[in-house]
């Protein structure tokens, strides 16, 4: 059964959407705030999010950004804001579609079916990445060590880490990583990634000189390895030192 997370601070709208969705065979989870929406997204794994922009606490835009830190779940924005600027901001943040209130339920269902066709149901992504050395909360964009103590990553370091962990065991070329973090037309200093990866390893790896998770593929790029099966403890630390 397709699960829909309805996020709106108006109880009557949540009730109306829940009734109509359940009548059409959907499972429904609702949330009156952005904070609760992010919690439900991490624990309930919805297949679709219907999201109001004007929420108490964190805004709908912040919810979109939080979700896009770790999941591709389709997001349809429901809002009274019909100006172009608001639409562009929501779409740029990662929303898949935009419906202005008041709306017809048939139109909303058609848009829901359209975005659901783009991503197979059950394509669930974890909200946290856990290793023996660190934990990454992709929803809240927070890192901690094995004891639970916070680890501070700069925005650039977080972007690099996030991109790598979302492609586990896969080679990410230097060009792909630069494009993901800085944009496809950015031309950085040749040592930029090496320096950032060195800082990341110092903060997250048990032994930065012999990295087990953030590995260098010499002359090609980088690879995130989730498990503890990295280079053995007595291996030469060349991969980590080359950047």
C-alpha atoms as a PDB file:
ATOM      1  CA  UNK A   1       0.000   0.000   0.000  1.00  0.00           C
ATOM      2  CA  UNK A   2       1.318   3.419  -0.966  1.00  0.00           C
ATOM      3  CA  UNK A   3       2.029   5.522   2.121  1.00  0.00           C
ATOM      4  CA  UNK A   4       1.491   9.286   1.998  1.00  0.00           C
ATOM      5  CA  UNK A   5       2.805  11.760   4.561  1.00  0.00           C
ATOM      6  CA  UNK A   6       0.464  14.776   4.798  1.00  0.00           C
ATOM      7  CA  UNK A   7       2.074  17.836   6.372  1.00  0.00           C
ATOM      8  CA  UNK A   8      -0.198  20.794   7.141  1.00  0.00           C
ATOM      9  CA  UNK A   9      -0.840  22.880  10.251  1.00  0.00           C
ATOM     10  CA  UNK A  10      -4.577  23.096   9.547  1.00  0.00           C
ATOM     11  CA  UNK A  11      -6.381  20.061  11.064  1.00  0.00           C
ATOM     12  CA  UNK A  12      -9.313  20.277   8.652  1.00  0.00           C
ATOM     13  CA  UNK A  13      -7.024  20.036   5.638  1.00  0.00           C
ATOM     14  CA  UNK A  14      -5.186  17.052   7.115  1.00  0.00           C
ATOM     15  CA  UNK A  15      -8.505  15.343   7.832  1.00  0.00           C
ATOM     16  CA  UNK A  16      -9.926  16.054   4.376  1.00  0.00           C
ATOM     17  CA  UNK A  17      -6.818  14.779   2.628  1.00  0.00           C
ATOM     18  CA  UNK A  18      -6.653  11.702   4.858  1.00  0.00           C
ATOM     19  CA  UNK A  19     -10.287  10.796   4.123  1.00  0.00           C
ATOM     20  CA  UNK A  20      -9.857  11.206   0.374  1.00  0.00           C
ATOM     21  CA  UNK A  21      -6.547   9.379   0.248  1.00  0.00           C
ATOM     22  CA  UNK A  22      -7.742   6.436   2.321  1.00  0.00           C
ATOM     23  CA  UNK A  23     -10.865   6.177   0.175  1.00  0.00           C
ATOM     24  CA  UNK A  24      -8.549   5.690  -2.791  1.00  0.00           C
ATOM     25  CA  UNK A  25      -6.509   2.968  -1.099  1.00  0.00           C
ATOM     26  CA  UNK A  26      -3.597   4.986   0.292  1.00  0.00           C
ATOM     27  CA  UNK A  27      -2.087   4.623   3.749  1.00  0.00           C
ATOM     28  CA  UNK A  28      -1.824   8.025   5.459  1.00  0.00           C
ATOM     29  CA  UNK A  29       0.495   9.490   8.097  1.00  0.00           C
ATOM     30  CA  UNK A  30       0.055  13.145   9.031  1.00  0.00           C
ATOM     31  CA  UNK A  31       2.059  15.842  10.768  1.00  0.00           C
ATOM     32  CA  UNK A  32       1.125  19.393  11.848  1.00  0.00           C
ATOM     33  CA  UNK A  33       4.730  20.684  11.963  1.00  0.00           C
ATOM     34  CA  UNK A  34       7.902  20.445   9.951  1.00  0.00           C
ATOM     35  CA  UNK A  35       9.818  18.953  12.860  1.00  0.00           C
ATOM     36  CA  UNK A  36       7.317  16.103  13.190  1.00  0.00           C
ATOM     37  CA  UNK A  37       7.269  15.674   9.408  1.00  0.00           C
ATOM     38  CA  UNK A  38      11.002  14.981   9.341  1.00  0.00           C
ATOM     39  CA  UNK A  39      10.640  12.486  12.197  1.00  0.00           C
ATOM     40  CA  UNK A  40       7.811  10.658  10.421  1.00  0.00           C
ATOM     41  CA  UNK A  41       9.718  10.626   7.156  1.00  0.00           C
ATOM     42  CA  UNK A  42      12.638   8.890   8.860  1.00  0.00           C
ATOM     43  CA  UNK A  43      10.535   6.331  10.745  1.00  0.00           C
ATOM     44  CA  UNK A  44       7.503   5.734   8.495  1.00  0.00           C
ATOM     45  CA  UNK A  45       9.260   5.817   5.090  1.00  0.00           C
ATOM     46  CA  UNK A  46       6.447   7.414   3.072  1.00  0.00           C
ATOM     47  CA  UNK A  47       6.240   6.939  -0.695  1.00  0.00           C
ATOM     48  CA  UNK A  48       4.934  10.487  -1.196  1.00  0.00           C
ATOM     49  CA  UNK A  49       4.921  13.728   0.812  1.00  0.00           C
ATOM     50  CA  UNK A  50       2.170  16.351   0.509  1.00  0.00           C
ATOM     51  CA  UNK A  51       3.654  19.441   2.114  1.00  0.00           C
ATOM     52  CA  UNK A  52       2.323  22.862   3.081  1.00  0.00           C
ATOM     53  CA  UNK A  53       4.926  25.635   2.936  1.00  0.00           C
ATOM     54  CA  UNK A  54       3.509  27.804   5.734  1.00  0.00           C
ATOM     55  CA  UNK A  55       4.240  25.755   8.837  1.00  0.00           C
ATOM     56  CA  UNK A  56       4.908  26.730  12.442  1.00  0.00           C
ATOM     57  CA  UNK A  57       8.507  26.207  13.497  1.00  0.00           C
ATOM     58  CA  UNK A  58      10.698  25.185  10.592  1.00  0.00           C
ATOM     59  CA  UNK A  59       9.259  26.135   7.215  1.00  0.00           C
ATOM     60  CA  UNK A  60       8.133  23.914   4.399  1.00  0.00           C
ATOM     61  CA  UNK A  61      11.237  24.894   2.434  1.00  0.00           C
ATOM     62  CA  UNK A  62      13.416  23.727   5.317  1.00  0.00           C
ATOM     63  CA  UNK A  63      11.510  20.439   5.390  1.00  0.00           C
ATOM     64  CA  UNK A  64      12.215  19.945   1.676  1.00  0.00           C
ATOM     65  CA  UNK A  65      15.905  20.677   2.202  1.00  0.00           C
ATOM     66  CA  UNK A  66      16.018  18.315   5.186  1.00  0.00           C
ATOM     67  CA  UNK A  67      14.395  15.509   3.223  1.00  0.00           C
ATOM     68  CA  UNK A  68      16.603  16.014   0.208  1.00  0.00           C
ATOM     69  CA  UNK A  69      19.606  15.515   2.432  1.00  0.00           C
ATOM     70  CA  UNK A  70      18.889  11.783   2.437  1.00  0.00           C
ATOM     71  CA  UNK A  71      15.863  10.749   0.384  1.00  0.00           C
ATOM     72  CA  UNK A  72      14.400  11.057  -3.103  1.00  0.00           C
ATOM     73  CA  UNK A  73      10.811  10.624  -1.906  1.00  0.00           C
ATOM     74  CA  UNK A  74       8.467  12.615  -4.208  1.00  0.00           C
ATOM     75  CA  UNK A  75       7.281  15.886  -2.665  1.00  0.00           C
ATOM     76  CA  UNK A  76       4.215  17.827  -3.802  1.00  0.00           C
ATOM     77  CA  UNK A  77       3.906  21.285  -2.267  1.00  0.00           C
ATOM     78  CA  UNK A  78       0.397  22.412  -1.292  1.00  0.00           C
ATOM     79  CA  UNK A  79       0.156  26.113  -0.546  1.00  0.00           C
ATOM     80  CA  UNK A  80      -1.843  29.299  -0.918  1.00  0.00           C
ATOM     81  CA  UNK A  81       1.250  31.056  -2.282  1.00  0.00           C
ATOM     82  CA  UNK A  82       0.752  31.326  -6.025  1.00  0.00           C
ATOM     83  CA  UNK A  83       3.541  33.736  -6.919  1.00  0.00           C
ATOM     84  CA  UNK A  84       6.303  32.588  -9.236  1.00  0.00           C
ATOM     85  CA  UNK A  85       9.044  33.286  -6.702  1.00  0.00           C
ATOM     86  CA  UNK A  86       7.576  30.864  -4.148  1.00  0.00           C
ATOM     87  CA  UNK A  87       7.141  28.167  -6.779  1.00  0.00           C
ATOM     88  CA  UNK A  88      10.704  28.540  -8.005  1.00  0.00           C
ATOM     89  CA  UNK A  89      12.055  28.444  -4.436  1.00  0.00           C
ATOM     90  CA  UNK A  90      10.156  25.232  -3.648  1.00  0.00           C
ATOM     91  CA  UNK A  91      11.201  23.524  -6.883  1.00  0.00           C
ATOM     92  CA  UNK A  92      14.817  24.615  -6.489  1.00  0.00           C
ATOM     93  CA  UNK A  93      14.815  23.225  -2.938  1.00  0.00           C
ATOM     94  CA  UNK A  94      13.824  19.815  -4.317  1.00  0.00           C
ATOM     95  CA  UNK A  95      10.026  19.673  -4.594  1.00  0.00           C
ATOM     96  CA  UNK A  96       8.686  17.616  -7.497  1.00  0.00           C
ATOM     97  CA  UNK A  97       5.431  19.503  -8.060  1.00  0.00           C
ATOM     98  CA  UNK A  98       3.444  22.466  -6.814  1.00  0.00           C
ATOM     99  CA  UNK A  99      -0.314  22.723  -6.266  1.00  0.00           C
ATOM    100  CA  UNK A 100      -2.001  25.967  -5.221  1.00  0.00           C
ATOM    101  CA  UNK A 101      -4.837  25.965  -2.673  1.00  0.00           C
ATOM    102  CA  UNK A 102      -7.735  25.580  -3.150  1.00  0.00           C
ATOM    103  CA  UNK A 103      -7.293  22.558  -5.394  1.00  0.00           C
ATOM    104  CA  UNK A 104      -9.446  19.749  -6.730  1.00  0.00           C
ATOM    105  CA  UNK A 105      -8.799  16.312  -5.261  1.00  0.00           C
ATOM    106  CA  UNK A 106      -8.867  14.698  -8.718  1.00  0.00           C
ATOM    107  CA  UNK A 107      -6.119  17.020  -9.957  1.00  0.00           C
ATOM    108  CA  UNK A 108      -4.050  16.327  -6.840  1.00  0.00           C
ATOM    109  CA  UNK A 109      -4.443  12.569  -7.292  1.00  0.00           C
ATOM    110  CA  UNK A 110      -3.381  12.835 -10.919  1.00  0.00           C
ATOM    111  CA  UNK A 111      -0.268  14.761  -9.927  1.00  0.00           C
ATOM    112  CA  UNK A 112       0.435  12.226  -7.166  1.00  0.00           C
ATOM    113  CA  UNK A 113       0.223   9.331  -9.619  1.00  0.00           C
ATOM    114  CA  UNK A 114       2.549  11.175 -11.992  1.00  0.00           C
ATOM    115  CA  UNK A 115       5.316  11.739  -9.438  1.00  0.00           C
ATOM    116  CA  UNK A 116       4.955   8.231  -7.995  1.00  0.00           C
ATOM    117  CA  UNK A 117       5.637   6.746 -11.423  1.00  0.00           C
ATOM    118  CA  UNK A 118       9.089   8.345 -11.404  1.00  0.00           C
ATOM    119  CA  UNK A 119      10.406   6.408  -8.389  1.00  0.00           C
ATOM    120  CA  UNK A 120       9.544   2.735  -7.736  1.00  0.00           C
ATOM    121  CA  UNK A 121       7.704   2.073  -4.497  1.00  0.00           C
ATOM    122  CA  UNK A 122       9.865   0.511  -1.829  1.00  0.00           C
ATOM    123  CA  UNK A 123      12.959   2.446  -2.887  1.00  0.00           C
ATOM    124  CA  UNK A 124      13.664   3.257   0.760  1.00  0.00           C
ATOM    125  CA  UNK A 125      16.762   5.112   1.861  1.00  0.00           C
ATOM    126  CA  UNK A 126      18.083   5.191   5.398  1.00  0.00           C
ATOM    127  CA  UNK A 127      18.023   8.445   7.328  1.00  0.00           C
ATOM    128  CA  UNK A 128      21.219   7.556   9.193  1.00  0.00           C
ATOM    129  CA  UNK A 129      24.567   6.063   8.245  1.00  0.00           C
ATOM    130  CA  UNK A 130      26.224   4.131  11.056  1.00  0.00           C
ATOM    131  CA  UNK A 131      29.738   2.715  11.230  1.00  0.00           C
ATOM    132  CA  UNK A 132      31.942   1.600  14.104  1.00  0.00           C
ATOM    133  CA  UNK A 133      33.543   5.060  14.116  1.00  0.00           C
ATOM    134  CA  UNK A 134      30.783   7.566  13.390  1.00  0.00           C
ATOM    135  CA  UNK A 135      27.077   8.166  12.806  1.00  0.00           C
ATOM    136  CA  UNK A 136      25.696  10.532  10.173  1.00  0.00           C
ATOM    137  CA  UNK A 137      22.145  11.839  10.535  1.00  0.00           C
ATOM    138  CA  UNK A 138      21.340  12.740   6.939  1.00  0.00           C
ATOM    139  CA  UNK A 139      17.965  14.252   7.807  1.00  0.00           C
ATOM    140  CA  UNK A 140      19.330  16.688  10.408  1.00  0.00           C
ATOM    141  CA  UNK A 141      22.762  17.015   8.745  1.00  0.00           C
ATOM    142  CA  UNK A 142      24.621  16.095  11.914  1.00  0.00           C
ATOM    143  CA  UNK A 143      27.643  13.915  12.567  1.00  0.00           C
ATOM    144  CA  UNK A 144      28.718  12.235  15.791  1.00  0.00           C
ATOM    145  CA  UNK A 145      31.492   9.880  16.828  1.00  0.00           C
ATOM    146  CA  UNK A 146      31.125   6.384  18.225  1.00  0.00           C
ATOM    147  CA  UNK A 147      30.447   7.768  21.709  1.00  0.00           C
ATOM    148  CA  UNK A 148      27.686  10.060  20.474  1.00  0.00           C
ATOM    149  CA  UNK A 149      29.755  13.232  20.795  1.00  0.00           C
ATOM    150  CA  UNK A 150      29.073  15.791  18.036  1.00  0.00           C
ATOM    151  CA  UNK A 151      31.564  16.079  15.204  1.00  0.00           C
ATOM    152  CA  UNK A 152      31.665  19.434  13.443  1.00  0.00           C
ATOM    153  CA  UNK A 153      31.841  19.265   9.652  1.00  0.00           C
ATOM    154  CA  UNK A 154      31.952  22.432   7.594  1.00  0.00           C
ATOM    155  CA  UNK A 155      29.204  22.827   4.958  1.00  0.00           C
ATOM    156  CA  UNK A 156      31.643  21.797   2.220  1.00  0.00           C
ATOM    157  CA  UNK A 157      32.881  18.793   4.202  1.00  0.00           C
ATOM    158  CA  UNK A 158      29.303  17.730   4.871  1.00  0.00           C
ATOM    159  CA  UNK A 159      28.410  18.011   1.176  1.00  0.00           C
ATOM    160  CA  UNK A 160      31.371  15.829   0.209  1.00  0.00           C
ATOM    161  CA  UNK A 161      30.578  13.242   2.885  1.00  0.00           C
ATOM    162  CA  UNK A 162      26.870  13.214   2.020  1.00  0.00           C
ATOM    163  CA  UNK A 163      27.506  12.659  -1.679  1.00  0.00           C
ATOM    164  CA  UNK A 164      29.937   9.824  -1.030  1.00  0.00           C
ATOM    165  CA  UNK A 165      27.790   7.982   1.521  1.00  0.00           C
ATOM    166  CA  UNK A 166      24.788   8.161  -0.793  1.00  0.00           C
ATOM    167  CA  UNK A 167      26.805   6.164  -3.340  1.00  0.00           C
ATOM    168  CA  UNK A 168      28.306   3.402  -1.156  1.00  0.00           C
ATOM    169  CA  UNK A 169      30.943   1.128  -2.661  1.00  0.00           C
ATOM    170  CA  UNK A 170      30.890   3.110  -5.907  1.00  0.00           C
ATOM    171  CA  UNK A 171      33.746   5.058  -7.438  1.00  0.00           C
ATOM    172  CA  UNK A 172      32.908   8.771  -7.502  1.00  0.00           C
ATOM    173  CA  UNK A 173      35.272  10.558  -9.856  1.00  0.00           C
ATOM    174  CA  UNK A 174      36.888  13.806  -8.862  1.00  0.00           C
ATOM    175  CA  UNK A 175      34.868  15.619 -11.531  1.00  0.00           C
ATOM    176  CA  UNK A 176      31.588  14.088 -10.310  1.00  0.00           C
ATOM    177  CA  UNK A 177      32.321  15.073  -6.729  1.00  0.00           C
ATOM    178  CA  UNK A 178      33.310  18.618  -7.662  1.00  0.00           C
ATOM    179  CA  UNK A 179      30.150  19.030  -9.754  1.00  0.00           C
ATOM    180  CA  UNK A 180      27.941  17.697  -6.957  1.00  0.00           C
ATOM    181  CA  UNK A 181      29.436  20.016  -4.333  1.00  0.00           C
ATOM    182  CA  UNK A 182      30.391  23.184  -6.208  1.00  0.00           C
ATOM    183  CA  UNK A 183      28.533  22.951  -9.534  1.00  0.00           C
ATOM    184  CA  UNK A 184      29.431  21.500 -12.903  1.00  0.00           C
ATOM    185  CA  UNK A 185      31.263  24.583 -14.155  1.00  0.00           C
ATOM    186  CA  UNK A 186      33.498  25.055 -11.109  1.00  0.00           C
ATOM    187  CA  UNK A 187      37.225  24.706 -11.749  1.00  0.00           C
ATOM    188  CA  UNK A 188      38.965  24.241  -8.380  1.00  0.00           C
ATOM    189  CA  UNK A 189      42.587  24.146  -7.381  1.00  0.00           C
ATOM    190  CA  UNK A 190      44.016  20.692  -8.036  1.00  0.00           C
ATOM    191  CA  UNK A 191      44.566  20.064  -4.310  1.00  0.00           C
ATOM    192  CA  UNK A 192      41.120  21.183  -3.129  1.00  0.00           C
ATOM    193  CA  UNK A 193      39.523  17.758  -2.758  1.00  0.00           C
ATOM    194  CA  UNK A 194      42.659  16.235  -1.270  1.00  0.00           C
ATOM    195  CA  UNK A 195      42.705  18.879   1.470  1.00  0.00           C
ATOM    196  CA  UNK A 196      38.999  18.494   2.272  1.00  0.00           C
ATOM    197  CA  UNK A 197      39.241  14.692   2.368  1.00  0.00           C
ATOM    198  CA  UNK A 198      42.205  14.919   4.717  1.00  0.00           C
ATOM    199  CA  UNK A 199      40.139  17.048   7.111  1.00  0.00           C
ATOM    200  CA  UNK A 200      37.164  14.665   6.825  1.00  0.00           C
ATOM    201  CA  UNK A 201      39.353  11.673   7.640  1.00  0.00           C
ATOM    202  CA  UNK A 202      40.821  13.413  10.690  1.00  0.00           C
ATOM    203  CA  UNK A 203      37.307  13.992  11.990  1.00  0.00           C
ATOM    204  CA  UNK A 204      35.650  10.681  11.101  1.00  0.00           C
ATOM    205  CA  UNK A 205      38.199   7.921  10.517  1.00  0.00           C
ATOM    206  CA  UNK A 206      39.601   5.930  13.480  1.00  0.00           C
ATOM    207  CA  UNK A 207      43.049   6.145  11.862  1.00  0.00           C
ATOM    208  CA  UNK A 208      43.186   8.994   9.311  1.00  0.00           C
ATOM    209  CA  UNK A 209      46.471   7.709   7.860  1.00  0.00           C
ATOM    210  CA  UNK A 210      44.840   4.352   7.083  1.00  0.00           C
ATOM    211  CA  UNK A 211      41.243   5.247   6.130  1.00  0.00           C
ATOM    212  CA  UNK A 212      38.689   2.463   6.206  1.00  0.00           C
ATOM    213  CA  UNK A 213      35.644   4.371   4.928  1.00  0.00           C
ATOM    214  CA  UNK A 214      36.683   7.332   2.773  1.00  0.00           C
ATOM    215  CA  UNK A 215      39.079   5.770   0.316  1.00  0.00           C
ATOM    216  CA  UNK A 216      41.121   7.267  -2.515  1.00  0.00           C
ATOM    217  CA  UNK A 217      41.247   5.593  -5.909  1.00  0.00           C
ATOM    218  CA  UNK A 218      44.538   7.037  -7.136  1.00  0.00           C
ATOM    219  CA  UNK A 219      44.167   9.135 -10.264  1.00  0.00           C
ATOM    220  CA  UNK A 220      40.404   8.502 -10.456  1.00  0.00           C
ATOM    221  CA  UNK A 221      38.411   9.668  -7.451  1.00  0.00           C
ATOM    222  CA  UNK A 222      37.016   8.504  -4.133  1.00  0.00           C
ATOM    223  CA  UNK A 223      34.927   5.696  -2.704  1.00  0.00           C
ATOM    224  CA  UNK A 224      32.867   5.385   0.471  1.00  0.00           C
ATOM    225  CA  UNK A 225      33.097   1.921   1.979  1.00  0.00           C
ATOM    226  CA  UNK A 226      30.397   1.322   4.626  1.00  0.00           C
ATOM    227  CA  UNK A 227      31.766  -1.714   6.404  1.00  0.00           C
ATOM    228  CA  UNK A 228      34.946  -2.274   8.378  1.00  0.00           C
ATOM    229  CA  UNK A 229      36.590  -4.100   5.480  1.00  0.00           C
ATOM    230  CA  UNK A 230      39.008  -1.374   4.442  1.00  0.00           C
ATOM    231  CA  UNK A 231      42.786  -1.717   4.180  1.00  0.00           C
ATOM    232  CA  UNK A 232      44.312  -3.857   6.917  1.00  0.00           C
ATOM    233  CA  UNK A 233      45.914  -2.120   9.857  1.00  0.00           C
ATOM    234  CA  UNK A 234      49.446  -2.874   8.602  1.00  0.00           C
ATOM    235  CA  UNK A 235      48.780  -1.658   5.057  1.00  0.00           C
ATOM    236  CA  UNK A 236      50.861   1.169   3.673  1.00  0.00           C
ATOM    237  CA  UNK A 237      48.957   4.446   4.122  1.00  0.00           C
ATOM    238  CA  UNK A 238      49.555   5.646   0.575  1.00  0.00           C
ATOM    239  CA  UNK A 239      45.896   5.748  -0.438  1.00  0.00           C
ATOM    240  CA  UNK A 240      44.970   8.024   2.448  1.00  0.00           C
ATOM    241  CA  UNK A 241      47.966  10.330   2.004  1.00  0.00           C
ATOM    242  CA  UNK A 242      47.543  10.889  -1.700  1.00  0.00           C
ATOM    243  CA  UNK A 243      44.187  12.551  -1.045  1.00  0.00           C
END
